[in-house]
Protein backbone atom coordinates (compact mmCIF):
# COMPACT_ATOMS: atom_id res chain seq x y z
CA MET A 1 105.94 117.09 84.77
CA LYS A 2 105.04 113.41 84.83
CA PRO A 3 102.97 112.24 87.81
CA LEU A 4 104.65 110.29 90.58
CA LEU A 5 103.55 106.71 91.04
CA SER A 6 100.98 106.33 93.79
CA ILE A 7 102.26 104.51 96.83
CA PHE A 8 99.39 102.01 96.40
CA PHE A 9 100.68 101.10 92.99
CA LEU A 10 104.08 99.95 94.13
CA THR A 11 102.69 96.59 95.14
CA SER A 12 105.58 94.71 93.61
CA ILE A 13 108.77 96.16 92.20
CA SER A 14 111.76 94.16 91.03
CA LEU A 15 114.97 96.01 90.40
CA ALA A 16 116.96 92.94 89.40
CA PHE A 17 119.27 93.63 86.48
CA GLY A 18 118.15 97.25 86.51
CA GLU A 19 114.55 96.39 85.52
CA GLU A 20 111.68 98.10 87.23
CA ARG A 21 108.57 95.92 87.30
CA ILE A 22 105.27 97.08 88.71
CA ALA A 23 102.44 94.66 89.45
CA LEU A 24 99.40 96.74 88.57
CA PHE A 25 97.20 94.02 90.08
CA ASN A 26 98.27 92.84 93.52
CA GLY A 27 96.13 89.69 93.62
CA LYS A 28 94.10 90.96 96.57
CA ASP A 29 92.10 94.09 95.69
CA LEU A 30 91.74 96.92 93.18
CA SER A 31 94.19 99.32 94.81
CA GLY A 32 95.61 101.73 92.25
CA TRP A 33 92.55 101.54 89.98
CA THR A 34 89.35 103.52 89.51
CA VAL A 35 86.10 102.19 88.07
CA ASP A 36 84.13 104.03 85.40
CA VAL A 37 80.77 102.36 84.68
CA PRO A 38 78.22 104.86 83.32
CA ASN A 39 75.22 102.74 84.40
CA ALA A 40 76.41 103.00 88.00
CA ASP A 41 76.46 106.82 88.06
CA GLY A 42 74.71 108.06 91.19
CA ASP A 43 73.92 104.54 92.39
CA PRO A 44 76.22 103.51 95.25
CA SER A 45 74.35 100.21 95.59
CA HIS A 46 75.08 99.15 91.99
CA PRO A 47 76.70 95.68 91.92
CA PRO A 48 80.43 95.75 91.09
CA VAL A 49 81.50 95.06 87.51
CA PHE A 50 85.17 94.45 88.34
CA ILE A 51 85.97 92.12 91.22
CA VAL A 52 88.80 90.05 92.70
CA ARG A 53 87.99 86.35 92.89
CA GLU A 54 90.37 83.58 93.97
CA GLY A 55 93.37 85.82 93.38
CA LYS A 56 92.27 86.88 89.90
CA LEU A 57 91.02 90.21 88.62
CA VAL A 58 87.69 89.56 86.93
CA SER A 59 85.77 91.75 84.49
CA LEU A 60 82.19 90.52 84.74
CA GLY A 61 81.44 92.10 81.36
CA LYS A 62 78.11 93.80 82.08
CA PRO A 63 77.20 96.60 82.21
CA GLY A 64 79.92 98.11 80.04
CA GLY A 65 82.68 100.18 81.56
CA HIS A 66 86.37 100.45 82.32
CA LEU A 67 88.82 99.81 85.12
CA ILE A 68 91.42 102.58 84.84
CA THR A 69 94.76 103.06 86.53
CA LYS A 70 95.11 106.09 88.77
CA ASP A 71 98.55 106.79 87.35
CA SER A 72 99.79 107.56 83.86
CA PHE A 73 102.71 105.79 82.21
CA SER A 74 105.03 106.09 79.24
CA ASP A 75 107.77 103.92 77.72
CA TYR A 76 106.83 100.52 79.11
CA LYS A 77 105.99 96.93 78.31
CA LEU A 78 102.67 95.74 79.69
CA ILE A 79 102.25 92.00 80.27
CA VAL A 80 98.67 90.76 80.64
CA GLU A 81 97.71 87.14 81.22
CA TYR A 82 94.00 86.61 80.54
CA ARG A 83 91.36 84.11 79.48
CA PHE A 84 87.71 83.90 78.54
CA ALA A 85 86.83 81.26 81.09
CA ASN A 86 83.21 80.48 80.17
CA GLU A 87 82.32 81.83 76.73
CA ALA A 88 84.03 83.64 73.88
CA GLY A 89 83.47 87.36 73.68
CA ASN A 90 84.92 90.83 73.71
CA CYS A 91 87.28 92.81 75.91
CA GLY A 92 90.27 95.10 75.46
CA VAL A 93 93.30 96.79 76.96
CA LEU A 94 93.43 100.54 76.46
CA VAL A 95 96.76 102.37 76.47
CA HIS A 96 97.47 106.10 76.60
CA ALA A 97 93.99 106.63 78.07
CA SER A 98 93.07 110.18 79.05
CA THR A 99 89.72 111.98 78.76
CA PRO A 100 86.90 109.68 79.91
CA ARG A 101 83.75 108.88 77.93
CA VAL A 102 84.70 110.72 74.74
CA LEU A 103 83.15 108.07 72.46
CA TYR A 104 79.57 106.81 72.83
CA GLN A 105 79.64 108.31 76.34
CA MET A 106 81.57 105.20 77.33
CA PHE A 107 85.11 104.87 75.94
CA PRO A 108 88.03 107.02 77.15
CA GLN A 109 90.37 108.70 74.68
CA SER A 110 92.99 106.05 73.98
CA ILE A 111 94.35 103.37 71.69
CA GLU A 112 92.52 100.11 72.31
CA VAL A 113 94.34 96.83 71.87
CA GLN A 114 91.56 94.41 71.07
CA MET A 115 91.17 91.19 73.05
CA MET A 116 88.02 89.92 71.34
CA HIS A 117 88.28 86.16 70.89
CA GLN A 118 90.00 85.41 67.55
CA GLN A 119 90.70 89.11 66.93
CA ALA A 120 93.31 89.75 69.61
CA GLY A 121 95.71 92.49 68.61
CA ASP A 122 93.48 94.67 66.45
CA PHE A 123 93.84 98.39 67.16
CA TRP A 124 90.80 100.60 67.70
CA CYS A 125 91.50 104.33 67.66
CA ILE A 126 89.47 106.31 70.18
CA HIS A 127 90.05 110.05 69.66
CA GLU A 128 93.71 109.18 69.10
CA ASP A 129 95.37 107.81 65.97
CA ILE A 130 98.15 105.45 64.96
CA HIS A 131 99.67 104.37 61.65
CA VAL A 132 100.57 100.90 60.36
CA PRO A 133 101.97 99.63 57.06
CA ASP A 134 99.33 98.77 54.41
CA MET A 135 96.87 101.25 55.89
CA GLU A 136 94.46 101.00 52.96
CA LYS A 137 94.31 97.22 53.29
CA ARG A 138 94.29 96.85 57.07
CA ARG A 139 92.05 99.80 57.97
CA PRO A 140 88.72 99.17 56.26
CA LYS A 141 86.65 102.18 55.19
CA GLN A 142 82.88 102.17 54.94
CA ASN A 143 83.18 104.50 51.95
CA PRO A 144 86.07 106.09 50.00
CA ALA A 145 85.54 109.47 51.67
CA GLN A 146 85.88 108.14 55.20
CA ALA A 147 88.94 109.46 57.04
CA PHE A 148 91.50 107.53 59.02
CA GLY A 149 91.18 108.71 62.61
CA GLY A 150 89.65 108.14 66.00
CA LYS A 151 86.36 110.03 65.84
CA LYS A 152 82.99 108.31 65.66
CA SER A 153 82.66 108.76 61.89
CA ASP A 154 86.27 107.72 61.09
CA ALA A 155 87.78 104.39 60.07
CA ARG A 156 88.93 103.47 63.57
CA ARG A 157 89.71 99.74 63.34
CA ILE A 158 93.15 98.47 62.25
CA ILE A 159 93.14 94.73 61.60
CA ASN A 160 95.89 92.69 63.20
CA LEU A 161 98.59 90.74 61.36
CA THR A 162 97.26 87.32 62.36
CA ASP A 163 94.26 85.82 64.15
CA GLY A 164 96.04 82.52 64.75
CA SER A 165 97.98 83.31 67.91
CA GLU A 166 95.32 82.80 70.58
CA LYS A 167 95.02 79.60 72.58
CA PRO A 168 91.79 77.56 72.75
CA LEU A 169 88.92 79.00 74.73
CA GLY A 170 89.51 78.55 78.46
CA ASP A 171 93.32 78.50 78.19
CA TRP A 172 95.46 81.38 79.40
CA ASN A 173 96.83 83.87 76.86
CA THR A 174 99.73 86.25 77.32
CA MET A 175 99.48 89.66 75.66
CA GLU A 176 102.51 91.96 75.68
CA ILE A 177 102.01 95.59 74.71
CA GLU A 178 105.15 97.66 74.27
CA CYS A 179 104.64 101.42 74.26
CA LYS A 180 107.86 103.19 73.38
CA GLY A 181 107.74 106.78 72.18
CA ASP A 182 105.11 106.93 69.45
CA GLU A 183 105.16 103.16 68.80
CA VAL A 184 102.78 100.48 70.07
CA ILE A 185 103.91 96.87 69.50
CA VAL A 186 101.69 93.92 70.41
CA HIS A 187 102.57 90.24 70.85
CA VAL A 188 100.09 87.48 71.72
CA ASN A 189 101.61 84.27 73.05
CA GLY A 190 104.95 85.29 71.60
CA ALA A 191 103.70 86.11 68.09
CA LEU A 192 103.82 89.64 66.67
CA VAL A 193 100.21 90.64 65.96
CA ASN A 194 100.46 94.42 65.48
CA HIS A 195 102.99 97.22 65.27
CA GLY A 196 101.95 100.84 64.91
CA SER A 197 103.86 104.11 64.88
CA LYS A 198 103.20 107.86 64.74
CA CYS A 199 100.76 107.46 67.62
CA THR A 200 99.18 110.77 68.58
CA ALA A 201 99.70 110.00 72.30
CA LYS A 202 102.87 108.84 74.03
CA GLU A 203 101.64 108.45 77.59
CA GLY A 204 98.48 107.99 79.57
CA LYS A 205 96.58 105.65 81.83
CA ILE A 206 95.91 101.97 81.24
CA ALA A 207 92.39 100.56 81.22
CA LEU A 208 90.71 97.15 81.13
CA GLN A 209 87.25 96.80 79.66
CA ALA A 210 83.94 95.28 80.64
CA GLU A 211 82.37 94.63 77.26
CA GLY A 212 79.87 91.81 77.34
CA VAL A 213 81.37 88.62 78.81
CA GLU A 214 83.44 87.56 81.80
CA VAL A 215 87.22 87.78 81.45
CA GLU A 216 89.78 86.70 84.05
CA PHE A 217 93.20 88.30 84.51
CA ARG A 218 95.87 86.60 86.59
CA LYS A 219 98.67 89.04 85.78
CA VAL A 220 98.72 92.73 84.88
CA GLU A 221 102.36 93.78 85.11
CA LEU A 222 104.27 96.72 83.75
CA LYS A 223 107.99 96.82 82.99
CA LYS A 224 109.54 100.22 82.53
CA LEU A 225 111.71 100.60 79.44
CA LYS A 226 114.97 102.49 79.56
């Protein structure tokens, strides 16, 4: 049985033309999300890593961790508008997230859609797996014996189709991630940057990363697919 959507999460739903849209970020607070920052374990006075500032959701970047939805989802398109406001760096959107801290005692089991500046759209497999065309070319191995997979010792990175779709540093980017069945399709600013299939997970939570530098989000919206 799939979980019901939390009442907090229904901050904005549009049923126009039969579409169901859910604003995962309400512009005011972090309702509907949980924070997982290992460095903050057992320290209630630890400064927040994810905040709301001037109507934007902000990942401060340090220490590393994740902001994770309370609910799980399947068959949807996720629209994320984001920017690196001050300096280029790393971040990511994780889909089909489940077991926390399975990799490096930090990353939840998931498929990461990379947001690192000039690498947006790469896949990183985290105890899940996904296939793309030209696997041997786009999924570099450290040695011929290395396996394709999501474990620590596997070839986990799948290079995107193009690095040329991001806007200049400081401008807003739009990333659309379509999860339909066992497929994950990623567009950045309207350009197709990755398309995987045979994903080992078809549903799960959604997570945003803190991974080094400050990233602002002004929209995190989900559209359910029929």
